[in-house]
Structures are given as C-alpha cells and as structure tokens.
Amino acid sequence: MIENAVLRLRAERLARATRPFLARGNRIPRCQRCLLPKKNCLCETLQPVAARSRFCLVMFDSEPMKPSNTGRLIADILPDTQAFGWSRTEPDPRLLAAVKNPDVQPLVVFPQSYADADRPVINRPPVNGKPPLFIMLDGTWTEARKMFRKSPWLDALPVMSLTLSRPSNYQLRESHGDGQHCTAEVAAELLLQAGDTAAGTALFRHFDLFRQRYLAGKPHHPSHQQSAAVTPDD
C-alpha cells in the first residue's frame, strides 16, 4: 500500500468517529485504500510522478471518508501532497505552518468571482520562482464556499482562479452549476498549465480510470451491467 496524507487523515477521522460512517453503497465490499469495490480495485495501477508543483488539501470533515472523493487521487500521483481537516476556529497548526512555508508560493485555488475586490488574483499558475503550493478546498461546492469564506488564516493569500477549457467528466456526484469540475480535474489542469506535463497527464489518466471503475461498481449504471454480463459469476 502506498501511504499518503489523505489516507492518514482518513485513518485519523475513523479513529475519532463515535459511529460508523455510512456512505452510499456502504454494503459493497471495498478496497480500504482506493475505496472502490474490491473487484474494481485500481491500487496496482498506481504510478507516482515527480512534479515541481505542490498541493495542500483542506478537506471538509467527512470528505476523506467518501468513496467518491477525488482529492486523494492527487495524493496517489503526488505522494508529497499534504492534507488537513478544515476547522473554522481551530486550524491544524501543521496547516498554518504549511501555508507559511517560505520555500513555496501559496495560492488558494478558487473562482475569482468570490474574491474580495482588493485581493490579489492570478489566472495562470506561476512557472518561475518558488514552486507553487496549490491550496485546494475539498468538499461539496457548498462546503468549499463555506471554507473559502470562513478561513481567515487564508485571507491574505492570493487566489488562483483557473479557467478550464475541457468539460467535466466527473459524473460521480450532482453538479451545482455549469462549468464546475472536481478536485482532481482542477489539479490536473493546474499541473499542465504549471509545466508539470507528465504529472498532469498522469493525474488525468488516473482520474479517468477511477471514474470508470467507480461507475462500473454502481448497480444501475450501464458499465456495471455490461461488466456483469461479461463476468456473471462475480
């Protein structure tokens, strides 16, 4: 098993849980690393890639527990990815240290329209100088907006507002608006635009495989029915 920060965060979240977390499809036997149905496990396909860019995931409370979460796909490809649970009033001291690291350029990844008028905003990832640290607010769209508005310890950082040309292929949760993309898709595009082409391509490829195998595990999805027709004994 390839260890990463999202898996550690999930283990911490499980350790302090007072009752089981029951996600959709919780009766399906799942790999406890990739959270896909065991017959669709993709752990053997994992191939980390080096990159100049860095990522820091700030995850809403239940997000590391959800099989549909794509933030952990970033950590699969870039094992140095950091991940922290979000708290409005008591942010993790390790998170505060990470965003103040003088060796990186911290950028909060979020749409420009939500930034205050006097807040610095860039639309292209920096390709020179210190490596960028892309801070991703990982949750549902409603949760991400809440984290953006109520994280005063991020307010002084520039906003990285990215324009994605390709449509989203997520399809694992309901979208709350046109043009919205999941965490892994945004991260992959950031990598490509930052010059980390190999890592960006690898993350898009990993995301596509994850999406295919996730949907194949849904009983009423056509890809699941096609799989069942080919392997009726599973």
Protein backbone atom coordinates (compact mmCIF):
# COMPACT_ATOMS: atom_id res chain seq x y z
CA MET A 1 0.00 0.00 0.00
CA ILE A 2 1.33 3.45 -0.98
CA GLU A 3 0.91 5.72 2.06
CA ASN A 4 -0.20 9.33 1.65
CA ALA A 5 -1.61 12.21 3.68
CA VAL A 6 -5.24 11.63 2.66
CA LEU A 7 -5.12 8.02 3.86
CA ARG A 8 -3.61 9.19 7.14
CA LEU A 9 -6.31 11.84 7.50
CA ARG A 10 -8.97 9.22 6.84
CA ALA A 11 -7.46 6.94 9.49
CA GLU A 12 -7.48 9.82 12.00
CA ARG A 13 -11.10 10.58 11.15
CA LEU A 14 -12.07 6.93 11.62
CA ALA A 15 -10.22 6.71 14.93
CA ARG A 16 -12.22 9.54 16.48
CA ALA A 17 -15.59 8.57 14.99
CA THR A 18 -18.30 7.70 17.51
CA ARG A 19 -20.34 5.76 14.96
CA PRO A 20 -19.68 4.15 11.58
CA PHE A 21 -19.59 6.40 8.52
CA LEU A 22 -22.13 5.00 6.07
CA ALA A 23 -21.57 6.33 2.57
CA ARG A 24 -23.75 5.40 -0.37
CA GLY A 25 -23.04 1.83 -1.39
CA ASN A 26 -21.67 1.01 2.05
CA ARG A 27 -22.78 -2.63 1.76
CA ILE A 28 -20.42 -3.24 -1.16
CA PRO A 29 -17.11 -4.86 -0.12
CA ARG A 30 -14.49 -2.20 -0.84
CA CYS A 31 -10.75 -1.92 -1.01
CA GLN A 32 -9.80 0.13 2.04
CA ARG A 33 -7.16 2.02 0.13
CA CYS A 34 -8.88 3.21 -3.08
CA LEU A 35 -12.44 2.71 -1.67
CA LEU A 36 -13.59 1.14 -4.92
CA PRO A 37 -15.44 -2.19 -4.95
CA LYS A 38 -12.80 -4.87 -4.44
CA LYS A 39 -13.33 -6.36 -7.89
CA ASN A 40 -12.67 -2.90 -9.40
CA CYS A 41 -9.65 -2.02 -7.23
CA LEU A 42 -7.08 0.11 -9.04
CA CYS A 43 -4.28 0.09 -6.46
CA GLU A 44 -2.00 -2.00 -8.67
CA THR A 45 -2.13 0.72 -11.34
CA LEU A 46 -0.73 3.49 -9.12
CA GLN A 47 2.39 5.14 -10.55
CA PRO A 48 3.53 8.29 -8.70
CA VAL A 49 5.13 11.04 -10.80
CA ALA A 50 7.53 13.80 -9.77
CA ALA A 51 6.43 17.45 -10.13
CA ARG A 52 7.62 20.92 -9.23
CA SER A 53 4.15 21.95 -8.09
CA ARG A 54 2.91 21.15 -4.59
CA PHE A 55 -0.62 20.59 -3.29
CA CYS A 56 -2.27 21.11 0.08
CA LEU A 57 -5.78 19.72 0.52
CA VAL A 58 -8.04 21.35 3.09
CA MET A 59 -10.82 18.79 3.45
CA PHE A 60 -14.29 19.21 4.90
CA ASP A 61 -14.96 16.86 7.80
CA SER A 62 -16.45 13.83 6.04
CA GLU A 63 -14.69 14.25 2.68
CA PRO A 64 -11.78 11.81 3.30
CA MET A 65 -14.35 9.11 4.08
CA LYS A 66 -16.30 9.31 0.82
CA PRO A 67 -15.59 6.76 -1.93
CA SER A 68 -16.42 9.47 -4.49
CA ASN A 69 -13.72 11.85 -3.22
CA THR A 70 -11.09 12.69 -5.85
CA GLY A 71 -8.72 14.70 -3.69
CA ARG A 72 -6.92 11.50 -2.73
CA LEU A 73 -6.21 10.88 -6.42
CA ILE A 74 -3.86 13.86 -6.30
CA ALA A 75 -2.01 12.26 -3.40
CA ASP A 76 -1.85 8.98 -5.34
CA ILE A 77 0.12 10.66 -8.13
CA LEU A 78 1.97 13.19 -5.95
CA PRO A 79 2.73 11.43 -2.62
CA ASP A 80 4.13 14.66 -1.12
CA THR A 81 0.63 16.16 -1.18
CA GLN A 82 -0.44 17.46 2.24
CA ALA A 83 -3.96 17.00 3.61
CA PHE A 84 -5.65 18.53 6.65
CA GLY A 85 -9.15 18.60 8.07
CA TRP A 86 -10.84 22.00 7.99
CA SER A 87 -11.76 23.93 11.14
CA ARG A 88 -13.02 27.49 11.17
CA THR A 89 -11.87 28.26 14.71
CA GLU A 90 -9.04 25.76 15.37
CA PRO A 91 -7.00 25.22 12.19
CA ASP A 92 -4.37 22.50 12.38
CA PRO A 93 -1.01 24.06 13.38
CA ARG A 94 0.64 21.92 10.70
CA LEU A 95 -1.65 23.52 8.10
CA LEU A 96 -0.76 27.01 9.30
CA ALA A 97 2.92 26.10 9.05
CA ALA A 98 2.43 24.68 5.55
CA VAL A 99 0.83 27.86 4.16
CA LYS A 100 3.60 29.98 5.74
CA ASN A 101 6.41 27.87 4.32
CA PRO A 102 8.89 30.38 2.83
CA ASP A 103 10.08 27.86 0.24
CA VAL A 104 6.79 27.83 -1.75
CA GLN A 105 4.26 30.23 -3.30
CA PRO A 106 0.92 29.50 -1.54
CA LEU A 107 -2.17 30.07 -3.71
CA VAL A 108 -5.80 29.43 -2.78
CA VAL A 109 -7.49 27.74 -5.74
CA PHE A 110 -10.97 29.25 -6.12
CA PRO A 111 -13.05 31.19 -8.66
CA GLN A 112 -12.15 34.85 -8.96
CA SER A 113 -15.76 35.96 -8.60
CA TYR A 114 -15.73 35.00 -4.91
CA ALA A 115 -12.60 37.01 -4.05
CA ASP A 116 -12.82 40.48 -2.49
CA ALA A 117 -12.04 43.32 -4.86
CA ASP A 118 -8.70 44.10 -3.20
CA ARG A 119 -7.46 40.51 -3.07
CA PRO A 120 -4.66 39.53 -5.48
CA VAL A 121 -5.87 37.11 -8.17
CA ILE A 122 -3.85 35.29 -10.81
CA ASN A 123 -5.22 33.29 -13.74
CA ARG A 124 -2.16 31.31 -14.77
CA PRO A 125 -0.03 29.15 -12.46
CA PRO A 126 3.47 30.57 -11.85
CA VAL A 127 6.17 28.79 -13.83
CA ASN A 128 9.13 30.68 -12.38
CA GLY A 129 10.44 31.32 -8.89
CA LYS A 130 9.45 29.22 -5.90
CA PRO A 131 7.29 26.13 -6.50
CA PRO A 132 3.57 26.90 -6.24
CA LEU A 133 1.65 25.42 -3.33
CA PHE A 134 -1.89 24.99 -4.61
CA ILE A 135 -4.32 25.03 -1.67
CA MET A 136 -7.42 23.06 -2.66
CA LEU A 137 -10.65 23.38 -0.65
CA ASP A 138 -12.01 19.85 -0.92
CA GLY A 139 -15.70 19.25 -0.30
CA THR A 140 -19.05 19.75 -1.96
CA TRP A 141 -19.46 23.11 -3.68
CA THR A 142 -21.48 24.43 -0.72
CA GLU A 143 -18.79 23.24 1.70
CA ALA A 144 -15.99 24.70 -0.40
CA ARG A 145 -17.67 28.11 -0.44
CA LYS A 146 -18.02 27.95 3.32
CA MET A 147 -14.34 27.10 3.74
CA PHE A 148 -13.33 29.94 1.43
CA ARG A 149 -15.46 32.48 3.32
CA LYS A 150 -14.63 31.31 6.84
CA SER A 151 -10.90 30.60 6.79
CA PRO A 152 -9.36 33.91 7.93
CA TRP A 153 -5.92 32.32 8.02
CA LEU A 154 -6.11 32.07 4.21
CA ASP A 155 -7.43 35.57 3.54
CA ALA A 156 -4.01 37.14 2.97
CA LEU A 157 -3.03 34.64 0.28
CA PRO A 158 -3.54 35.26 -3.46
CA VAL A 159 -6.34 33.46 -5.26
CA MET A 160 -5.53 31.13 -8.13
CA SER A 161 -8.57 31.38 -10.43
CA LEU A 162 -8.23 28.81 -13.20
CA THR A 163 -10.11 28.60 -16.48
CA LEU A 164 -10.62 25.04 -17.68
CA SER A 165 -11.32 24.56 -21.35
CA ARG A 166 -12.47 20.94 -21.22
CA PRO A 167 -15.87 19.92 -19.79
CA SER A 168 -16.00 17.96 -16.56
CA ASN A 169 -16.12 14.15 -16.75
CA TYR A 170 -16.77 13.65 -13.04
CA GLN A 171 -20.37 12.28 -13.03
CA LEU A 172 -19.97 10.80 -9.54
CA ARG A 173 -21.94 13.50 -7.73
CA GLU A 174 -24.55 16.02 -8.77
CA SER A 175 -23.05 19.26 -10.06
CA HIS A 176 -24.38 22.51 -8.64
CA GLY A 177 -23.64 24.56 -11.72
CA ASP A 178 -22.34 24.55 -15.25
CA GLY A 179 -18.58 24.57 -15.59
CA GLN A 180 -17.84 23.02 -12.20
CA HIS A 181 -15.08 20.43 -12.03
CA CYS A 182 -14.00 18.03 -9.35
CA THR A 183 -10.84 18.49 -7.29
CA ALA A 184 -8.71 16.07 -9.30
CA GLU A 185 -9.67 17.64 -12.64
CA VAL A 186 -8.73 21.11 -11.42
CA ALA A 187 -5.43 19.82 -10.01
CA ALA A 188 -4.55 18.04 -13.25
CA GLU A 189 -5.18 21.20 -15.28
CA LEU A 190 -3.09 23.23 -12.81
CA LEU A 191 -0.22 20.81 -13.29
CA LEU A 192 -0.42 21.06 -17.08
CA GLN A 193 -0.51 24.86 -17.05
CA ALA A 194 2.33 25.00 -14.49
CA GLY A 195 4.57 23.00 -16.82
CA ASP A 196 4.27 19.70 -14.92
CA THR A 197 3.03 17.94 -18.03
CA ALA A 198 3.91 14.37 -17.04
CA ALA A 199 2.21 14.70 -13.66
CA GLY A 200 -0.86 16.45 -15.12
CA THR A 201 -1.27 13.79 -17.79
CA ALA A 202 -0.82 11.02 -15.22
CA LEU A 203 -3.45 12.55 -12.92
CA PHE A 204 -5.98 12.91 -15.74
CA ARG A 205 -5.34 9.28 -16.69
CA HIS A 206 -5.66 8.12 -13.07
CA PHE A 207 -8.87 10.12 -12.65
CA ASP A 208 -10.40 8.66 -15.81
CA LEU A 209 -9.65 5.10 -14.65
CA PHE A 210 -11.02 5.83 -11.19
CA ARG A 211 -14.20 7.31 -12.66
CA GLN A 212 -14.73 4.33 -14.97
CA ARG A 213 -14.25 1.79 -12.20
CA TYR A 214 -16.34 3.76 -9.71
CA LEU A 215 -19.27 3.92 -12.14
CA ALA A 216 -18.81 0.25 -13.03
CA GLY A 217 -19.45 -0.53 -9.35
CA LYS A 218 -22.84 1.22 -9.31
CA PRO A 219 -25.56 -1.44 -9.71
CA HIS A 220 -27.80 0.61 -12.02
CA HIS A 221 -25.07 2.11 -14.19
CA PRO A 222 -24.71 0.71 -17.77
CA SER A 223 -21.00 -0.01 -17.26
CA HIS A 224 -21.82 -2.19 -14.25
CA GLN A 225 -24.44 -4.09 -16.22
CA GLN A 226 -22.01 -4.63 -19.10
CA SER A 227 -19.39 -5.92 -16.67
CA ALA A 228 -21.91 -8.26 -15.07
CA ALA A 229 -22.88 -9.61 -18.50
CA VAL A 230 -19.25 -10.45 -19.24
CA THR A 231 -18.47 -11.94 -15.80
CA PRO A 232 -21.77 -13.35 -14.50
CA ASP A 233 -20.09 -15.32 -11.72
CA ASP A 234 -18.73 -12.24 -9.89
